[in-house]
């Protein structure tokens, strides 16, 4: 982001922002925090006339800030908005650190415990299922044996009976 955009965002003048950065240049060393744009890198307008009002026309090379630079800038500036942004950034860092150090490990342990519990439950269900199948097979075998015995008994009973009635002489 450019210095004039950030100045507007933080509610201060661009010159105050640049002055604060120049007073704290050690905090912004390296291209990963801030760099200065050349005048030919700026977007140009097709209009020939200047913008009205003070500070609307760029005369000096603007500072371009990376996201690290924006975070550092919030700690350098002394406006209420900058202080609040800095607090929010610090709270976010603490929250991310806590998330990284605590949450995934606990969650992983919970998932492992749930998987172990599910494995035990599935083994119990399959054991019960196999027991039911064995019991059912045993009962079916008993029923088949009983039916076979009844059928054999019925055949024996039918063979032993003597015919009832008179015997005609012609049938011999």
N, C-alpha and C. Protein backbone atom coordinates (compact mmCIF):
# COMPACT_ATOMS: atom_id res chain seq x y z
N UNK A 1 0.85 -1.16 0.00
CA UNK A 1 0.00 0.00 0.00
C UNK A 1 0.90 1.23 0.00
N UNK A 2 0.41 2.28 -0.61
CA UNK A 2 1.19 3.51 -0.70
C UNK A 2 0.97 4.37 0.53
N UNK A 3 1.96 5.25 0.79
CA UNK A 3 1.96 6.05 2.02
C UNK A 3 0.72 6.94 2.15
N UNK A 4 0.26 7.54 1.06
CA UNK A 4 -0.89 8.43 1.17
C UNK A 4 -2.17 7.67 1.44
N UNK A 5 -2.28 6.42 0.94
CA UNK A 5 -3.44 5.59 1.25
C UNK A 5 -3.45 5.19 2.72
N UNK A 6 -2.29 4.81 3.23
CA UNK A 6 -2.19 4.43 4.64
C UNK A 6 -2.42 5.62 5.57
N UNK A 7 -1.92 6.80 5.16
CA UNK A 7 -2.14 8.00 5.98
C UNK A 7 -3.63 8.27 6.11
N UNK A 8 -4.34 8.12 5.01
CA UNK A 8 -5.79 8.32 5.06
C UNK A 8 -6.46 7.26 5.92
N UNK A 9 -6.00 6.03 5.79
CA UNK A 9 -6.55 4.93 6.57
C UNK A 9 -6.33 5.13 8.08
N UNK A 10 -5.14 5.59 8.46
CA UNK A 10 -4.82 5.80 9.87
C UNK A 10 -5.28 7.17 10.38
N UNK A 11 -5.81 8.00 9.52
CA UNK A 11 -6.36 9.28 9.95
C UNK A 11 -5.29 10.31 10.29
N UNK A 12 -4.19 10.29 9.56
CA UNK A 12 -3.12 11.28 9.78
C UNK A 12 -2.72 11.85 8.42
N UNK A 13 -1.88 12.88 8.44
CA UNK A 13 -1.40 13.45 7.20
C UNK A 13 -0.25 12.61 6.66
N UNK A 14 -0.06 12.65 5.34
CA UNK A 14 1.00 11.89 4.71
C UNK A 14 2.37 12.32 5.22
N UNK A 15 2.55 13.61 5.42
CA UNK A 15 3.85 14.10 5.89
C UNK A 15 4.17 13.57 7.28
N UNK A 16 3.15 13.41 8.14
CA UNK A 16 3.36 12.87 9.48
C UNK A 16 3.76 11.40 9.40
N UNK A 17 3.12 10.67 8.49
CA UNK A 17 3.46 9.27 8.29
C UNK A 17 4.91 9.14 7.83
N UNK A 18 5.28 9.92 6.81
CA UNK A 18 6.65 9.85 6.29
C UNK A 18 7.66 10.28 7.35
N UNK A 19 7.32 11.27 8.13
CA UNK A 19 8.21 11.74 9.18
C UNK A 19 8.43 10.64 10.23
N UNK A 20 7.37 9.93 10.60
CA UNK A 20 7.49 8.84 11.57
C UNK A 20 8.35 7.70 11.03
N UNK A 21 8.18 7.42 9.74
CA UNK A 21 8.98 6.36 9.13
C UNK A 21 10.44 6.76 9.08
N UNK A 22 10.72 7.98 8.70
CA UNK A 22 12.12 8.44 8.63
C UNK A 22 12.79 8.45 10.01
N UNK A 23 12.02 8.72 11.04
CA UNK A 23 12.57 8.72 12.40
C UNK A 23 12.86 7.29 12.89
N UNK A 24 12.21 6.32 12.27
CA UNK A 24 12.35 4.91 12.69
C UNK A 24 12.79 4.04 11.51
N UNK A 25 13.74 4.51 10.73
CA UNK A 25 14.16 3.78 9.53
C UNK A 25 14.68 2.38 9.83
N UNK A 26 15.29 2.16 10.98
CA UNK A 26 15.81 0.83 11.31
C UNK A 26 14.69 -0.22 11.34
N UNK A 27 13.50 0.20 11.70
CA UNK A 27 12.37 -0.74 11.74
C UNK A 27 11.91 -1.17 10.36
N UNK A 28 12.24 -0.40 9.34
CA UNK A 28 11.74 -0.65 7.99
C UNK A 28 12.85 -1.06 7.02
N UNK A 29 14.00 -1.51 7.54
CA UNK A 29 15.11 -1.91 6.66
C UNK A 29 14.73 -3.18 5.91
N UNK A 30 15.11 -3.24 4.67
CA UNK A 30 14.83 -4.40 3.83
C UNK A 30 13.59 -4.19 2.98
N UNK A 31 13.57 -4.86 1.86
CA UNK A 31 12.44 -4.72 0.93
C UNK A 31 11.19 -5.47 1.39
N UNK A 32 11.31 -6.25 2.44
CA UNK A 32 10.12 -6.98 2.89
C UNK A 32 9.23 -6.12 3.80
N UNK A 33 9.66 -4.89 4.15
CA UNK A 33 8.83 -3.98 4.94
C UNK A 33 8.35 -2.79 4.11
N UNK A 34 9.30 -2.16 3.38
CA UNK A 34 8.96 -0.93 2.67
C UNK A 34 10.00 -0.68 1.59
N UNK A 35 9.57 -0.02 0.53
CA UNK A 35 10.50 0.46 -0.49
C UNK A 35 9.94 1.75 -1.07
N UNK A 36 10.79 2.49 -1.76
CA UNK A 36 10.39 3.79 -2.32
C UNK A 36 10.17 3.62 -3.81
N UNK A 37 9.02 4.07 -4.28
CA UNK A 37 8.70 3.99 -5.71
C UNK A 37 9.37 5.13 -6.46
N UNK A 38 9.76 4.87 -7.70
CA UNK A 38 10.25 5.94 -8.57
C UNK A 38 9.04 6.66 -9.15
N UNK A 39 9.27 7.88 -9.59
CA UNK A 39 8.16 8.69 -10.13
C UNK A 39 7.58 8.07 -11.40
N UNK A 40 8.39 7.35 -12.17
CA UNK A 40 7.86 6.74 -13.40
C UNK A 40 7.05 5.47 -13.09
N UNK A 41 7.11 4.94 -11.88
CA UNK A 41 6.32 3.77 -11.48
C UNK A 41 4.92 4.13 -11.02
N UNK A 42 4.67 5.41 -10.82
CA UNK A 42 3.36 5.85 -10.35
C UNK A 42 2.34 5.82 -11.47
N UNK A 43 1.10 5.50 -11.16
CA UNK A 43 0.05 5.58 -12.18
C UNK A 43 -0.20 7.05 -12.54
N UNK A 44 -0.24 7.32 -13.81
CA UNK A 44 -0.45 8.69 -14.28
C UNK A 44 -1.84 8.85 -14.84
N UNK A 45 -2.35 10.03 -14.69
CA UNK A 45 -3.67 10.37 -15.20
C UNK A 45 -3.53 10.97 -16.59
N UNK A 46 -4.57 10.88 -17.40
CA UNK A 46 -4.58 11.47 -18.73
C UNK A 46 -4.89 12.97 -18.68
N UNK A 47 -5.36 13.45 -17.53
CA UNK A 47 -5.73 14.85 -17.41
C UNK A 47 -4.48 15.71 -17.26
N UNK A 48 -4.49 16.87 -17.91
CA UNK A 48 -3.35 17.77 -17.89
C UNK A 48 -3.42 18.69 -16.67
N UNK A 49 -4.60 19.00 -16.21
CA UNK A 49 -4.75 19.93 -15.09
C UNK A 49 -4.45 19.24 -13.77
N UNK A 50 -3.99 20.00 -12.82
CA UNK A 50 -3.71 19.48 -11.50
C UNK A 50 -4.99 19.31 -10.71
N UNK A 51 -4.95 18.39 -9.75
CA UNK A 51 -6.08 18.21 -8.85
C UNK A 51 -6.17 19.41 -7.92
N UNK A 52 -7.37 19.74 -7.52
CA UNK A 52 -7.55 20.88 -6.61
C UNK A 52 -7.30 20.43 -5.18
N UNK A 53 -6.82 21.33 -4.39
CA UNK A 53 -6.61 21.04 -2.97
C UNK A 53 -5.17 20.68 -2.68
N UNK A 54 -4.82 20.88 -1.45
CA UNK A 54 -3.47 20.64 -1.02
C UNK A 54 -3.24 19.13 -0.82
N UNK A 55 -2.10 18.63 -1.26
CA UNK A 55 -1.71 17.25 -1.04
C UNK A 55 -2.28 16.25 -2.02
N UNK A 56 -2.96 16.71 -3.06
CA UNK A 56 -3.55 15.77 -4.02
C UNK A 56 -2.63 15.48 -5.18
N UNK A 57 -1.60 16.27 -5.36
CA UNK A 57 -0.66 16.06 -6.45
C UNK A 57 0.65 15.55 -5.86
N UNK A 58 1.15 14.45 -6.40
CA UNK A 58 2.34 13.81 -5.86
C UNK A 58 3.58 14.56 -6.34
N UNK A 59 4.36 15.08 -5.39
CA UNK A 59 5.60 15.78 -5.72
C UNK A 59 6.82 14.96 -5.33
N UNK A 60 6.67 14.13 -4.32
CA UNK A 60 7.79 13.35 -3.80
C UNK A 60 7.54 11.86 -4.03
N UNK A 61 8.62 11.11 -4.05
CA UNK A 61 8.51 9.67 -4.25
C UNK A 61 7.75 9.06 -3.07
N UNK A 62 6.70 8.29 -3.35
CA UNK A 62 5.92 7.70 -2.25
C UNK A 62 6.58 6.43 -1.71
N UNK A 63 6.29 6.15 -0.45
CA UNK A 63 6.72 4.90 0.17
C UNK A 63 5.66 3.84 -0.14
N UNK A 64 6.12 2.65 -0.48
CA UNK A 64 5.22 1.52 -0.68
C UNK A 64 5.49 0.51 0.43
N UNK A 65 4.45 0.10 1.14
CA UNK A 65 4.59 -0.78 2.29
C UNK A 65 4.05 -2.17 1.97
N UNK A 66 4.78 -3.18 2.40
CA UNK A 66 4.28 -4.55 2.32
C UNK A 66 3.39 -4.79 3.54
N UNK A 67 2.83 -5.99 3.65
CA UNK A 67 1.97 -6.25 4.82
C UNK A 67 2.78 -6.23 6.11
N UNK A 68 4.05 -6.65 6.05
CA UNK A 68 4.90 -6.53 7.24
C UNK A 68 5.13 -5.06 7.58
N UNK A 69 5.32 -4.24 6.55
CA UNK A 69 5.51 -2.82 6.76
C UNK A 69 4.29 -2.14 7.34
N UNK A 70 3.11 -2.57 6.89
CA UNK A 70 1.87 -2.00 7.43
C UNK A 70 1.75 -2.35 8.91
N UNK A 71 2.11 -3.57 9.27
CA UNK A 71 2.05 -3.97 10.68
C UNK A 71 3.07 -3.18 11.49
N UNK A 72 4.28 -3.00 10.95
CA UNK A 72 5.31 -2.23 11.66
C UNK A 72 4.88 -0.77 11.76
N UNK A 73 4.27 -0.25 10.71
CA UNK A 73 3.82 1.15 10.71
C UNK A 73 2.80 1.40 11.81
N UNK A 74 1.95 0.42 12.07
CA UNK A 74 0.95 0.59 13.12
C UNK A 74 1.60 0.71 14.49
N UNK A 75 2.80 0.16 14.65
CA UNK A 75 3.48 0.29 15.94
C UNK A 75 4.29 1.57 16.04
N UNK A 76 4.56 2.23 14.91
CA UNK A 76 5.35 3.47 14.89
C UNK A 76 4.46 4.69 15.04
N UNK A 77 3.30 4.66 14.40
CA UNK A 77 2.41 5.83 14.40
C UNK A 77 1.74 6.01 15.76
N UNK A 78 1.34 7.25 16.03
CA UNK A 78 0.76 7.56 17.32
C UNK A 78 -0.67 8.09 17.18
N UNK A 79 -1.45 7.48 16.30
CA UNK A 79 -2.85 7.88 16.19
C UNK A 79 -3.71 6.80 16.86
N UNK A 80 -4.92 7.15 17.21
CA UNK A 80 -5.79 6.19 17.89
C UNK A 80 -6.07 4.97 17.02
N UNK A 81 -6.26 5.20 15.73
CA UNK A 81 -6.53 4.10 14.80
C UNK A 81 -5.32 3.19 14.70
N UNK A 82 -4.11 3.77 14.60
CA UNK A 82 -2.89 2.97 14.51
C UNK A 82 -2.69 2.13 15.77
N UNK A 83 -2.99 2.71 16.92
CA UNK A 83 -2.85 1.97 18.17
C UNK A 83 -3.83 0.80 18.21
N UNK A 84 -5.05 1.04 17.78
CA UNK A 84 -6.05 -0.03 17.76
C UNK A 84 -5.67 -1.12 16.76
N UNK A 85 -5.15 -0.74 15.58
CA UNK A 85 -4.70 -1.72 14.59
C UNK A 85 -3.56 -2.54 15.17
N UNK A 86 -2.62 -1.88 15.86
CA UNK A 86 -1.49 -2.59 16.45
C UNK A 86 -1.97 -3.59 17.50
N UNK A 87 -2.91 -3.20 18.33
CA UNK A 87 -3.47 -4.13 19.32
C UNK A 87 -4.12 -5.33 18.64
N UNK A 88 -4.87 -5.07 17.58
CA UNK A 88 -5.53 -6.17 16.86
C UNK A 88 -4.51 -7.12 16.26
N UNK A 89 -3.43 -6.57 15.74
CA UNK A 89 -2.38 -7.42 15.16
C UNK A 89 -1.75 -8.28 16.24
N UNK A 90 -1.44 -7.70 17.38
CA UNK A 90 -0.84 -8.46 18.48
C UNK A 90 -1.78 -9.56 18.96
N UNK A 91 -3.07 -9.24 19.08
CA UNK A 91 -4.04 -10.25 19.50
C UNK A 91 -4.14 -11.38 18.47
N UNK A 92 -4.07 -11.02 17.21
CA UNK A 92 -4.12 -12.04 16.15
C UNK A 92 -2.90 -12.95 16.23
N UNK A 93 -1.72 -12.39 16.47
CA UNK A 93 -0.52 -13.21 16.59
C UNK A 93 -0.64 -14.18 17.77
N UNK A 94 -1.13 -13.71 18.89
CA UNK A 94 -1.29 -14.56 20.06
C UNK A 94 -2.30 -15.67 19.78
N UNK A 95 -3.40 -15.31 19.13
CA UNK A 95 -4.43 -16.31 18.81
C UNK A 95 -3.89 -17.37 17.86
N UNK A 96 -3.12 -16.96 16.87
CA UNK A 96 -2.54 -17.92 15.92
C UNK A 96 -1.54 -18.83 16.64
N UNK A 97 -0.73 -18.24 17.53
CA UNK A 97 0.25 -19.05 18.27
C UNK A 97 -0.47 -20.08 19.14
N UNK A 98 -1.52 -19.68 19.82
CA UNK A 98 -2.27 -20.62 20.65
C UNK A 98 -2.92 -21.70 19.80
N UNK A 99 -3.41 -21.31 18.65
CA UNK A 99 -4.03 -22.29 17.75
C UNK A 99 -3.01 -23.31 17.29
N UNK A 100 -1.82 -22.84 16.96
CA UNK A 100 -0.78 -23.75 16.48
C UNK A 100 -0.28 -24.66 17.60
N UNK A 101 -0.09 -24.12 18.78
CA UNK A 101 0.50 -24.92 19.86
C UNK A 101 -0.49 -25.83 20.55
N UNK A 102 -1.76 -25.48 20.64
CA UNK A 102 -2.69 -26.28 21.43
C UNK A 102 -3.72 -27.05 20.61
N UNK A 103 -4.39 -26.39 19.76
CA UNK A 103 -5.60 -26.94 19.15
C UNK A 103 -5.38 -28.19 18.31
N UNK A 104 -4.47 -28.18 17.33
CA UNK A 104 -4.37 -29.36 16.47
C UNK A 104 -3.95 -30.63 17.23
N UNK A 105 -3.10 -30.51 18.24
CA UNK A 105 -2.65 -31.69 18.97
C UNK A 105 -3.83 -32.30 19.71
N UNK A 106 -4.58 -31.47 20.42
CA UNK A 106 -5.75 -31.97 21.14
C UNK A 106 -6.74 -32.59 20.18
N UNK A 107 -6.93 -31.94 19.08
CA UNK A 107 -7.90 -32.45 18.11
C UNK A 107 -7.42 -33.77 17.53
N UNK A 108 -6.13 -33.89 17.26
CA UNK A 108 -5.58 -35.13 16.74
C UNK A 108 -5.74 -36.25 17.75
N UNK A 109 -5.50 -35.97 19.02
CA UNK A 109 -5.69 -36.98 20.06
C UNK A 109 -7.15 -37.41 20.14
N UNK A 110 -8.06 -36.45 20.03
CA UNK A 110 -9.49 -36.79 20.05
C UNK A 110 -9.86 -37.68 18.87
N UNK A 111 -9.33 -37.37 17.70
CA UNK A 111 -9.64 -38.18 16.52
C UNK A 111 -9.08 -39.59 16.69
N UNK A 112 -7.85 -39.70 17.23
CA UNK A 112 -7.27 -41.03 17.46
C UNK A 112 -8.11 -41.83 18.45
N UNK A 113 -8.58 -41.19 19.52
CA UNK A 113 -9.40 -41.88 20.50
C UNK A 113 -10.72 -42.33 19.89
N UNK A 114 -11.32 -41.48 19.06
CA UNK A 114 -12.58 -41.85 18.41
C UNK A 114 -12.38 -43.03 17.46
N UNK A 115 -11.27 -43.04 16.73
CA UNK A 115 -10.99 -44.14 15.80
C UNK A 115 -10.80 -45.44 16.58
N UNK A 116 -10.07 -45.38 17.68
CA UNK A 116 -9.87 -46.58 18.51
C UNK A 116 -11.20 -47.09 19.04
N UNK A 117 -12.05 -46.18 19.52
CA UNK A 117 -13.37 -46.58 20.03
C UNK A 117 -14.21 -47.21 18.92
N UNK A 118 -14.15 -46.63 17.73
CA UNK A 118 -14.91 -47.19 16.61
C UNK A 118 -14.41 -48.58 16.23
N UNK A 119 -13.10 -48.77 16.26
CA UNK A 119 -12.54 -50.10 15.95
C UNK A 119 -13.04 -51.14 16.95
N UNK A 120 -13.01 -50.80 18.24
CA UNK A 120 -13.49 -51.72 19.27
C UNK A 120 -14.97 -52.03 19.06
N UNK A 121 -15.76 -51.02 18.78
CA UNK A 121 -17.19 -51.21 18.57
C UNK A 121 -17.45 -52.12 17.37
N UNK A 122 -16.73 -51.90 16.28
CA UNK A 122 -16.92 -52.72 15.07
C UNK A 122 -16.53 -54.17 15.34
N UNK A 123 -15.44 -54.39 16.10
CA UNK A 123 -15.05 -55.76 16.44
C UNK A 123 -16.12 -56.45 17.28
N UNK A 124 -16.70 -55.72 18.24
CA UNK A 124 -17.77 -56.29 19.07
C UNK A 124 -18.99 -56.64 18.22
N UNK A 125 -19.34 -55.74 17.31
CA UNK A 125 -20.51 -55.98 16.45
C UNK A 125 -20.28 -57.22 15.59
N UNK A 126 -19.09 -57.36 14.99
CA UNK A 126 -18.81 -58.53 14.16
C UNK A 126 -18.78 -59.81 15.00
N UNK A 127 -18.27 -59.73 16.21
CA UNK A 127 -18.26 -60.90 17.09
C UNK A 127 -19.69 -61.32 17.41
N UNK A 128 -20.53 -60.34 17.77
CA UNK A 128 -21.94 -60.65 18.05
C UNK A 128 -22.63 -61.21 16.81
N UNK A 129 -22.32 -60.67 15.66
CA UNK A 129 -22.93 -61.13 14.41
C UNK A 129 -22.54 -62.58 14.14
N UNK A 130 -21.26 -62.88 14.33
CA UNK A 130 -20.81 -64.25 14.12
C UNK A 130 -21.43 -65.20 15.14
N UNK A 131 -21.57 -64.74 16.40
CA UNK A 131 -22.22 -65.58 17.41
C UNK A 131 -23.66 -65.86 17.02
N UNK A 132 -24.36 -64.85 16.56
CA UNK A 132 -25.76 -65.04 16.14
C UNK A 132 -25.82 -66.01 14.97
N UNK A 133 -24.92 -65.89 14.03
CA UNK A 133 -24.91 -66.80 12.89
C UNK A 133 -24.64 -68.23 13.33
N UNK A 134 -23.72 -68.44 14.26
CA UNK A 134 -23.44 -69.79 14.75
C UNK A 134 -24.65 -70.35 15.50
N UNK A 135 -25.27 -69.53 16.34
CA UNK A 135 -26.46 -69.98 17.07
C UNK A 135 -27.58 -70.33 16.10
N UNK A 136 -27.75 -69.47 15.09
CA UNK A 136 -28.81 -69.70 14.11
C UNK A 136 -28.54 -70.99 13.34
N UNK A 137 -27.29 -71.20 12.94
CA UNK A 137 -26.95 -72.44 12.22
C UNK A 137 -27.22 -73.67 13.09
N UNK A 138 -26.83 -73.59 14.35
CA UNK A 138 -27.05 -74.71 15.28
C UNK A 138 -28.55 -75.00 15.42
N UNK A 139 -29.36 -73.95 15.57
CA UNK A 139 -30.80 -74.13 15.71
C UNK A 139 -31.40 -74.71 14.43
N UNK A 140 -30.93 -74.25 13.27
CA UNK A 140 -31.45 -74.80 12.01
C UNK A 140 -31.09 -76.28 11.87
N UNK A 141 -29.89 -76.66 12.29
CA UNK A 141 -29.51 -78.08 12.24
C UNK A 141 -30.41 -78.91 13.15
N UNK A 142 -30.70 -78.38 14.35
CA UNK A 142 -31.60 -79.11 15.26
C UNK A 142 -32.99 -79.26 14.65
N UNK A 143 -33.49 -78.20 14.04
CA UNK A 143 -34.82 -78.26 13.40
C UNK A 143 -34.80 -79.28 12.27
N UNK A 144 -33.76 -79.29 11.45
CA UNK A 144 -33.68 -80.26 10.35
C UNK A 144 -33.61 -81.70 10.88
N UNK A 145 -32.85 -81.90 11.94
CA UNK A 145 -32.76 -83.24 12.53
C UNK A 145 -34.12 -83.67 13.07
N UNK A 146 -34.80 -82.74 13.73
CA UNK A 146 -36.12 -83.07 14.29
C UNK A 146 -37.11 -83.40 13.19
N UNK A 147 -37.09 -82.64 12.11
CA UNK A 147 -38.00 -82.92 10.98
C UNK A 147 -37.67 -84.26 10.33
N UNK A 148 -36.40 -84.56 10.19
CA UNK A 148 -36.00 -85.85 9.61
C UNK A 148 -36.45 -87.01 10.50
N UNK A 149 -36.31 -86.82 11.81
CA UNK A 149 -36.74 -87.87 12.76
C UNK A 149 -38.25 -88.06 12.69
N UNK A 150 -38.99 -86.94 12.63
CA UNK A 150 -40.46 -87.05 12.52
C UNK A 150 -40.88 -87.74 11.24
N UNK A 151 -40.21 -87.45 10.15
CA UNK A 151 -40.55 -88.08 8.87
C UNK A 151 -40.23 -89.57 8.91
N UNK A 152 -39.12 -89.92 9.51
CA UNK A 152 -38.76 -91.35 9.62
C UNK A 152 -39.77 -92.08 10.51
N UNK A 153 -40.18 -91.46 11.61
CA UNK A 153 -41.17 -92.05 12.49
C UNK A 153 -42.51 -92.24 11.78
N UNK A 154 -42.87 -91.26 10.96
CA UNK A 154 -44.14 -91.34 10.23
C UNK A 154 -44.10 -92.49 9.24
N UNK A 155 -43.00 -92.68 8.56
CA UNK A 155 -42.89 -93.79 7.60
C UNK A 155 -42.95 -95.14 8.31
N UNK A 156 -42.35 -95.25 9.46
CA UNK A 156 -42.40 -96.49 10.23
C UNK A 156 -43.82 -96.78 10.68
N UNK A 157 -44.51 -95.78 11.08
CA UNK A 157 -45.89 -95.96 11.55
C UNK A 157 -46.79 -96.41 10.40
N UNK A 158 -46.58 -95.89 9.24
CA UNK A 158 -47.43 -96.26 8.10
C UNK A 158 -47.16 -97.69 7.67
N UNK A 159 -45.97 -98.21 7.75
CA UNK A 159 -45.64 -99.56 7.32
C UNK A 159 -46.15 -100.61 8.31
N UNK A 160 -46.17 -100.38 9.56
CA UNK A 160 -46.54 -101.35 10.57
C UNK A 160 -48.06 -101.58 10.63
N UNK A 161 -48.84 -100.69 10.22
CA UNK A 161 -50.28 -100.83 10.37
C UNK A 161 -50.82 -101.90 9.40
N UNK A 162 -51.69 -102.72 9.96
CA UNK A 162 -52.36 -103.71 9.13
C UNK A 162 -53.62 -103.08 8.55
N UNK A 163 -53.95 -103.45 7.35
CA UNK A 163 -55.15 -102.89 6.77
C UNK A 163 -56.40 -103.30 7.57
N UNK A 164 -57.33 -102.39 7.69
CA UNK A 164 -58.54 -102.61 8.45
C UNK A 164 -59.65 -102.95 7.45
N UNK A 165 -60.46 -103.93 7.77
CA UNK A 165 -61.61 -104.23 6.96
C UNK A 165 -61.63 -105.71 6.56
N UNK A 166 -62.62 -106.08 5.72
CA UNK A 166 -62.77 -107.44 5.27
C UNK A 166 -61.93 -107.70 4.04
N UNK A 167 -61.45 -108.90 3.94
CA UNK A 167 -60.67 -109.29 2.78
C UNK A 167 -61.59 -110.13 1.89
N UNK A 168 -61.75 -109.73 0.70
CA UNK A 168 -62.59 -110.47 -0.23
C UNK A 168 -61.76 -111.60 -0.80
N UNK A 169 -62.40 -112.56 -1.18
CA UNK A 169 -61.73 -113.72 -1.71
C UNK A 169 -61.11 -113.47 -3.07
N UNK A 170 -61.64 -112.55 -3.80
CA UNK A 170 -61.14 -112.29 -5.15
C UNK A 170 -59.80 -111.55 -5.12
N UNK A 171 -59.58 -110.84 -4.05
CA UNK A 171 -58.39 -109.98 -4.01
C UNK A 171 -57.15 -110.79 -3.73
N UNK A 172 -57.32 -112.06 -3.32
CA UNK A 172 -56.14 -112.83 -2.99
C UNK A 172 -55.47 -113.27 -4.19
